[in-house]
Amino acid sequence: MSKGDLLEMEGTIQDALGGGQYTIKLDQGEATVRAQLSGRMRRHHIRVLPGDRVRVAVSPYDLTHGLIVYRGRTN
């Protein structure tokens, strides 16, 4: 599967779980996704906290797991 096959969705972090996992409530409907930080975000030590707006890349085969690829700006 290539990077272009992933679905990108916006959401808000609800809870920080152990092991670098996060629960994210998506803007589309009442869906929740369990996601972890992408490799580039881990490498650059980007911190995410509950309440942050994020962009999540989700596989079309399993819509309950994803990667956090972008943390939104806080203005």
PDB file of N, CA and C in Angstrom:
ATOM      1  N   MET A   1       0.842  -1.161   0.000  1.00  0.00           N
ATOM      2  CA  MET A   1       0.000   0.000   0.000  1.00  0.00           C
ATOM      3  C   MET A   1       0.895   1.235   0.000  1.00  0.00           C
ATOM      4  N   SER A   2       0.609   2.175  -0.865  1.00  0.00           N
ATOM      5  CA  SER A   2       1.419   3.387  -0.933  1.00  0.00           C
ATOM      6  C   SER A   2       0.831   4.464  -0.028  1.00  0.00           C
ATOM      7  N   LYS A   3       1.602   5.515   0.170  1.00  0.00           N
ATOM      8  CA  LYS A   3       1.187   6.613   1.023  1.00  0.00           C
ATOM      9  C   LYS A   3      -0.049   7.318   0.463  1.00  0.00           C
ATOM     10  N   GLY A   4      -0.218   7.322  -0.857  1.00  0.00           N
ATOM     11  CA  GLY A   4      -1.352   7.968  -1.481  1.00  0.00           C
ATOM     12  C   GLY A   4      -2.665   7.234  -1.289  1.00  0.00           C
ATOM     13  N   ASP A   5      -2.623   5.974  -0.870  1.00  0.00           N
ATOM     14  CA  ASP A   5      -3.838   5.195  -0.670  1.00  0.00           C
ATOM     15  C   ASP A   5      -4.519   5.473   0.668  1.00  0.00           C
ATOM     16  N   LEU A   6      -3.833   6.163   1.582  1.00  0.00           N
ATOM     17  CA  LEU A   6      -4.390   6.413   2.899  1.00  0.00           C
ATOM     18  C   LEU A   6      -5.443   7.521   2.850  1.00  0.00           C
ATOM     19  N   LEU A   7      -6.440   7.418   3.710  1.00  0.00           N
ATOM     20  CA  LEU A   7      -7.474   8.441   3.833  1.00  0.00           C
ATOM     21  C   LEU A   7      -7.072   9.420   4.924  1.00  0.00           C
ATOM     22  N   GLU A   8      -7.087  10.711   4.630  1.00  0.00           N
ATOM     23  CA  GLU A   8      -6.742  11.713   5.643  1.00  0.00           C
ATOM     24  C   GLU A   8      -8.006  12.329   6.201  1.00  0.00           C
ATOM     25  N   MET A   9      -8.091  12.367   7.539  1.00  0.00           N
ATOM     26  CA  MET A   9      -9.257  12.890   8.236  1.00  0.00           C
ATOM     27  C   MET A   9      -8.795  13.836   9.334  1.00  0.00           C
ATOM     28  N   GLU A  10      -9.653  14.764   9.711  1.00  0.00           N
ATOM     29  CA  GLU A  10      -9.371  15.712  10.785  1.00  0.00           C
ATOM     30  C   GLU A  10     -10.097  15.264  12.046  1.00  0.00           C
ATOM     31  N   GLY A  11      -9.507  15.577  13.200  1.00  0.00           N
ATOM     32  CA  GLY A  11     -10.142  15.221  14.455  1.00  0.00           C
ATOM     33  C   GLY A  11      -9.481  15.895  15.637  1.00  0.00           C
ATOM     34  N   THR A  12      -9.961  15.548  16.829  1.00  0.00           N
ATOM     35  CA  THR A  12      -9.458  16.097  18.079  1.00  0.00           C
ATOM     36  C   THR A  12      -9.018  14.951  18.973  1.00  0.00           C
ATOM     37  N   ILE A  13      -7.874  15.107  19.614  1.00  0.00           N
ATOM     38  CA  ILE A  13      -7.374  14.070  20.519  1.00  0.00           C
ATOM     39  C   ILE A  13      -8.228  14.057  21.778  1.00  0.00           C
ATOM     40  N   GLN A  14      -8.775  12.901  22.110  1.00  0.00           N
ATOM     41  CA  GLN A  14      -9.612  12.742  23.296  1.00  0.00           C
ATOM     42  C   GLN A  14      -8.796  12.291  24.499  1.00  0.00           C
ATOM     43  N   ASP A  15      -7.898  11.313  24.286  1.00  0.00           N
ATOM     44  CA  ASP A  15      -7.201  10.700  25.408  1.00  0.00           C
ATOM     45  C   ASP A  15      -5.832  10.223  24.955  1.00  0.00           C
ATOM     46  N   ALA A  16      -4.849  10.331  25.840  1.00  0.00           N
ATOM     47  CA  ALA A  16      -3.513   9.807  25.576  1.00  0.00           C
ATOM     48  C   ALA A  16      -3.380   8.480  26.320  1.00  0.00           C
ATOM     49  N   LEU A  17      -3.224   7.406  25.573  1.00  0.00           N
ATOM     50  CA  LEU A  17      -3.098   6.073  26.149  1.00  0.00           C
ATOM     51  C   LEU A  17      -1.620   5.728  26.318  1.00  0.00           C
ATOM     52  N   GLY A  18      -1.328   4.606  26.915  1.00  0.00           N
ATOM     53  CA  GLY A  18       0.043   4.170  27.086  1.00  0.00           C
ATOM     54  C   GLY A  18       0.658   3.697  25.783  1.00  0.00           C
ATOM     55  N   GLY A  19       1.973   3.712  25.718  1.00  0.00           N
ATOM     56  CA  GLY A  19       2.684   3.198  24.554  1.00  0.00           C
ATOM     57  C   GLY A  19       2.614   4.096  23.333  1.00  0.00           C
ATOM     58  N   GLY A  20       2.359   5.380  23.528  1.00  0.00           N
ATOM     59  CA  GLY A  20       2.314   6.299  22.396  1.00  0.00           C
ATOM     60  C   GLY A  20       1.039   6.234  21.577  1.00  0.00           C
ATOM     61  N   GLN A  21      -0.003   5.654  22.121  1.00  0.00           N
ATOM     62  CA  GLN A  21      -1.293   5.551  21.438  1.00  0.00           C
ATOM     63  C   GLN A  21      -2.199   6.700  21.879  1.00  0.00           C
ATOM     64  N   TYR A  22      -3.041   7.160  20.974  1.00  0.00           N
ATOM     65  CA  TYR A  22      -3.986   8.237  21.253  1.00  0.00           C
ATOM     66  C   TYR A  22      -5.361   7.841  20.737  1.00  0.00           C
ATOM     67  N   THR A  23      -6.411   8.278  21.446  1.00  0.00           N
ATOM     68  CA  THR A  23      -7.774   8.113  20.971  1.00  0.00           C
ATOM     69  C   THR A  23      -8.199   9.439  20.364  1.00  0.00           C
ATOM     70  N   ILE A  24      -8.689   9.393  19.110  1.00  0.00           N
ATOM     71  CA  ILE A  24      -9.028  10.597  18.375  1.00  0.00           C
ATOM     72  C   ILE A  24     -10.489  10.529  17.957  1.00  0.00           C
ATOM     73  N   LYS A  25     -11.235  11.601  18.231  1.00  0.00           N
ATOM     74  CA  LYS A  25     -12.628  11.706  17.790  1.00  0.00           C
ATOM     75  C   LYS A  25     -12.630  12.467  16.477  1.00  0.00           C
ATOM     76  N   LEU A  26     -13.106  11.820  15.427  1.00  0.00           N
ATOM     77  CA  LEU A  26     -13.109  12.413  14.098  1.00  0.00           C
ATOM     78  C   LEU A  26     -14.244  13.409  13.936  1.00  0.00           C
ATOM     79  N   ASP A  27     -14.057  14.372  13.031  1.00  0.00           N
ATOM     80  CA  ASP A  27     -15.092  15.359  12.747  1.00  0.00           C
ATOM     81  C   ASP A  27     -16.267  14.739  12.004  1.00  0.00           C
ATOM     82  N   GLN A  28     -16.001  13.738  11.162  1.00  0.00           N
ATOM     83  CA  GLN A  28     -17.072  13.086  10.396  1.00  0.00           C
ATOM     84  C   GLN A  28     -17.795  12.073  11.281  1.00  0.00           C
ATOM     85  N   GLY A  29     -18.967  12.428  11.727  1.00  0.00           N
ATOM     86  CA  GLY A  29     -19.768  11.500  12.519  1.00  0.00           C
ATOM     87  C   GLY A  29     -19.251  11.323  13.929  1.00  0.00           C
ATOM     88  N   GLU A  30     -19.597  10.210  14.510  1.00  0.00           N
ATOM     89  CA  GLU A  30     -19.222   9.892  15.888  1.00  0.00           C
ATOM     90  C   GLU A  30     -18.088   8.882  15.958  1.00  0.00           C
ATOM     91  N   ALA A  31     -17.312   8.751  14.896  1.00  0.00           N
ATOM     92  CA  ALA A  31     -16.266   7.728  14.831  1.00  0.00           C
ATOM     93  C   ALA A  31     -15.069   8.113  15.701  1.00  0.00           C
ATOM     94  N   THR A  32     -14.450   7.093  16.302  1.00  0.00           N
ATOM     95  CA  THR A  32     -13.200   7.280  17.034  1.00  0.00           C
ATOM     96  C   THR A  32     -12.141   6.381  16.419  1.00  0.00           C
ATOM     97  N   VAL A  33     -10.905   6.847  16.466  1.00  0.00           N
ATOM     98  CA  VAL A  33      -9.773   6.136  15.879  1.00  0.00           C
ATOM     99  C   VAL A  33      -8.684   6.050  16.927  1.00  0.00           C
ATOM    100  N   ARG A  34      -8.018   4.918  17.000  1.00  0.00           N
ATOM    101  CA  ARG A  34      -6.829   4.777  17.830  1.00  0.00           C
ATOM    102  C   ARG A  34      -5.625   4.970  16.920  1.00  0.00           C
ATOM    103  N   ALA A  35      -4.766   5.933  17.254  1.00  0.00           N
ATOM    104  CA  ALA A  35      -3.659   6.270  16.369  1.00  0.00           C
ATOM    105  C   ALA A  35      -2.379   6.475  17.164  1.00  0.00           C
ATOM    106  N   GLN A  36      -1.266   6.428  16.433  1.00  0.00           N
ATOM    107  CA  GLN A  36       0.031   6.724  17.017  1.00  0.00           C
ATOM    108  C   GLN A  36       0.727   7.757  16.140  1.00  0.00           C
ATOM    109  N   LEU A  37       1.791   8.354  16.655  1.00  0.00           N
ATOM    110  CA  LEU A  37       2.513   9.375  15.902  1.00  0.00           C
ATOM    111  C   LEU A  37       3.241   8.750  14.720  1.00  0.00           C
ATOM    112  N   SER A  38       3.287   9.467  13.617  1.00  0.00           N
ATOM    113  CA  SER A  38       4.045   8.997  12.463  1.00  0.00           C
ATOM    114  C   SER A  38       5.539   9.119  12.778  1.00  0.00           C
ATOM    115  N   GLY A  39       6.348   8.470  11.979  1.00  0.00           N
ATOM    116  CA  GLY A  39       7.787   8.439  12.221  1.00  0.00           C
ATOM    117  C   GLY A  39       8.438   9.810  12.190  1.00  0.00           C
ATOM    118  N   ARG A  40       8.009  10.656  11.274  1.00  0.00           N
ATOM    119  CA  ARG A  40       8.595  11.996  11.170  1.00  0.00           C
ATOM    120  C   ARG A  40       8.253  12.843  12.395  1.00  0.00           C
ATOM    121  N   MET A  41       7.041  12.700  12.924  1.00  0.00           N
ATOM    122  CA  MET A  41       6.660  13.458  14.122  1.00  0.00           C
ATOM    123  C   MET A  41       7.426  12.957  15.346  1.00  0.00           C
ATOM    124  N   ARG A  42       7.662  11.648  15.424  1.00  0.00           N
ATOM    125  CA  ARG A  42       8.461  11.098  16.526  1.00  0.00           C
ATOM    126  C   ARG A  42       9.905  11.570  16.442  1.00  0.00           C
ATOM    127  N   ARG A  43      10.447  11.584  15.233  1.00  0.00           N
ATOM    128  CA  ARG A  43      11.848  11.963  15.038  1.00  0.00           C
ATOM    129  C   ARG A  43      12.093  13.418  15.429  1.00  0.00           C
ATOM    130  N   HIS A  44      11.127  14.300  15.176  1.00  0.00           N
ATOM    131  CA  HIS A  44      11.289  15.720  15.490  1.00  0.00           C
ATOM    132  C   HIS A  44      10.684  16.106  16.841  1.00  0.00           C
ATOM    133  N   HIS A  45      10.286  15.109  17.647  1.00  0.00           N
ATOM    134  CA  HIS A  45       9.789  15.298  19.015  1.00  0.00           C
ATOM    135  C   HIS A  45       8.603  16.255  19.071  1.00  0.00           C
ATOM    136  N   ILE A  46       7.642  16.088  18.159  1.00  0.00           N
ATOM    137  CA  ILE A  46       6.417  16.883  18.175  1.00  0.00           C
ATOM    138  C   ILE A  46       5.517  16.333  19.277  1.00  0.00           C
ATOM    139  N   ARG A  47       5.093  17.187  20.183  1.00  0.00           N
ATOM    140  CA  ARG A  47       4.246  16.753  21.292  1.00  0.00           C
ATOM    141  C   ARG A  47       2.780  17.024  20.955  1.00  0.00           C
ATOM    142  N   VAL A  48       1.936  16.087  21.305  1.00  0.00           N
ATOM    143  CA  VAL A  48       0.499  16.268  21.146  1.00  0.00           C
ATOM    144  C   VAL A  48      -0.166  15.987  22.492  1.00  0.00           C
ATOM    145  N   LEU A  49      -1.182  16.776  22.802  1.00  0.00           N
ATOM    146  CA  LEU A  49      -1.889  16.667  24.069  1.00  0.00           C
ATOM    147  C   LEU A  49      -3.382  16.529  23.809  1.00  0.00           C
ATOM    148  N   PRO A  50      -4.133  16.007  24.767  1.00  0.00           N
ATOM    149  CA  PRO A  50      -5.582  15.953  24.600  1.00  0.00           C
ATOM    150  C   PRO A  50      -6.148  17.350  24.353  1.00  0.00           C
ATOM    151  N   GLY A  51      -7.027  17.433  23.364  1.00  0.00           N
ATOM    152  CA  GLY A  51      -7.605  18.711  22.971  1.00  0.00           C
ATOM    153  C   GLY A  51      -6.983  19.291  21.714  1.00  0.00           C
ATOM    154  N   ASP A  52      -5.831  18.782  21.281  1.00  0.00           N
ATOM    155  CA  ASP A  52      -5.175  19.277  20.071  1.00  0.00           C
ATOM    156  C   ASP A  52      -5.918  18.811  18.829  1.00  0.00           C
ATOM    157  N   ARG A  53      -5.923  19.659  17.795  1.00  0.00           N
ATOM    158  CA  ARG A  53      -6.483  19.300  16.493  1.00  0.00           C
ATOM    159  C   ARG A  53      -5.394  18.602  15.696  1.00  0.00           C
ATOM    160  N   VAL A  54      -5.717  17.478  15.085  1.00  0.00           N
ATOM    161  CA  VAL A  54      -4.740  16.693  14.337  1.00  0.00           C
ATOM    162  C   VAL A  54      -5.330  16.220  13.018  1.00  0.00           C
ATOM    163  N   ARG A  55      -4.441  15.859  12.097  1.00  0.00           N
ATOM    164  CA  ARG A  55      -4.814  15.204  10.844  1.00  0.00           C
ATOM    165  C   ARG A  55      -4.331  13.770  10.944  1.00  0.00           C
ATOM    166  N   VAL A  56      -5.220  12.824  10.658  1.00  0.00           N
ATOM    167  CA  VAL A  56      -4.931  11.399  10.821  1.00  0.00           C
ATOM    168  C   VAL A  56      -5.003  10.708   9.466  1.00  0.00           C
ATOM    169  N   ALA A  57      -4.007   9.890   9.152  1.00  0.00           N
ATOM    170  CA  ALA A  57      -4.018   9.066   7.939  1.00  0.00           C
ATOM    171  C   ALA A  57      -4.506   7.679   8.342  1.00  0.00           C
ATOM    172  N   VAL A  58      -5.625   7.249   7.734  1.00  0.00           N
ATOM    173  CA  VAL A  58      -6.272   5.985   8.092  1.00  0.00           C
ATOM    174  C   VAL A  58      -6.262   5.067   6.878  1.00  0.00           C
ATOM    175  N   SER A  59      -5.993   3.790   7.108  1.00  0.00           N
ATOM    176  CA  SER A  59      -6.027   2.807   6.044  1.00  0.00           C
ATOM    177  C   SER A  59      -7.480   2.555   5.626  1.00  0.00           C
ATOM    178  N   PRO A  60      -7.742   2.420   4.323  1.00  0.00           N
ATOM    179  CA  PRO A  60      -9.116   2.125   3.906  1.00  0.00           C
ATOM    180  C   PRO A  60      -9.561   0.709   4.292  1.00  0.00           C
ATOM    181  N   TYR A  61      -8.630  -0.152   4.672  1.00  0.00           N
ATOM    182  CA  TYR A  61      -8.966  -1.523   5.045  1.00  0.00           C
ATOM    183  C   TYR A  61      -9.367  -1.652   6.501  1.00  0.00           C
ATOM    184  N   ASP A  62      -8.796  -0.811   7.371  1.00  0.00           N
ATOM    185  CA  ASP A  62      -9.119  -0.840   8.798  1.00  0.00           C
ATOM    186  C   ASP A  62      -9.300   0.599   9.262  1.00  0.00           C
ATOM    187  N   LEU A  63     -10.525   1.036   9.411  1.00  0.00           N
ATOM    188  CA  LEU A  63     -10.815   2.428   9.722  1.00  0.00           C
ATOM    189  C   LEU A  63     -10.726   2.747  11.210  1.00  0.00           C
ATOM    190  N   THR A  64     -10.240   1.820  12.030  1.00  0.00           N
ATOM    191  CA  THR A  64     -10.134   2.073  13.461  1.00  0.00           C
ATOM    192  C   THR A  64      -8.702   2.359  13.903  1.00  0.00           C
ATOM    193  N   HIS A  65      -7.721   2.241  13.009  1.00  0.00           N
ATOM    194  CA  HIS A  65      -6.326   2.490  13.341  1.00  0.00           C
ATOM    195  C   HIS A  65      -5.743   3.497  12.356  1.00  0.00           C
ATOM    196  N   GLY A  66      -4.848   4.350  12.861  1.00  0.00           N
ATOM    197  CA  GLY A  66      -4.272   5.333  11.967  1.00  0.00           C
ATOM    198  C   GLY A  66      -2.961   5.897  12.485  1.00  0.00           C
ATOM    199  N   LEU A  67      -2.430   6.845  11.719  1.00  0.00           N
ATOM    200  CA  LEU A  67      -1.198   7.551  12.049  1.00  0.00           C
ATOM    201  C   LEU A  67      -1.486   9.045  12.131  1.00  0.00           C
ATOM    202  N   ILE A  68      -0.980   9.693  13.162  1.00  0.00           N
ATOM    203  CA  ILE A  68      -1.100  11.139  13.273  1.00  0.00           C
ATOM    204  C   ILE A  68      -0.003  11.741  12.413  1.00  0.00           C
ATOM    205  N   VAL A  69      -0.385  12.481  11.379  1.00  0.00           N
ATOM    206  CA  VAL A  69       0.611  13.023  10.449  1.00  0.00           C
ATOM    207  C   VAL A  69       0.790  14.532  10.584  1.00  0.00           C
ATOM    208  N   TYR A  70      -0.114  15.229  11.290  1.00  0.00           N
ATOM    209  CA  TYR A  70       0.000  16.675  11.406  1.00  0.00           C
ATOM    210  C   TYR A  70      -0.738  17.148  12.650  1.00  0.00           C
ATOM    211  N   ARG A  71      -0.112  18.048  13.399  1.00  0.00           N
ATOM    212  CA  ARG A  71      -0.772  18.685  14.554  1.00  0.00           C
ATOM    213  C   ARG A  71      -1.101  20.116  14.157  1.00  0.00           C
ATOM    214  N   GLY A  72      -2.349  20.503  14.311  1.00  0.00           N
ATOM    215  CA  GLY A  72      -2.793  21.833  13.923  1.00  0.00           C
ATOM    216  C   GLY A  72      -2.220  22.923  14.791  1.00  0.00           C
ATOM    217  N   ARG A  73      -2.222  24.113  14.261  1.00  0.00           N
ATOM    218  CA  ARG A  73      -1.725  25.264  15.016  1.00  0.00           C
ATOM    219  C   ARG A  73      -2.739  25.681  16.059  1.00  0.00           C
ATOM    220  N   THR A  74      -2.249  26.219  17.173  1.00  0.00           N
ATOM    221  CA  THR A  74      -3.123  26.713  18.221  1.00  0.00           C
ATOM    222  C   THR A  74      -3.040  28.228  18.203  1.00  0.00           C
ATOM    223  N   ASN A  75      -4.094  28.871  17.735  1.00  0.00           N
ATOM    224  CA  ASN A  75      -4.121  30.346  17.657  1.00  0.00           C
ATOM    225  C   ASN A  75      -5.052  30.918  18.690  1.00  0.00           C
TER     226      ASN A  75
END
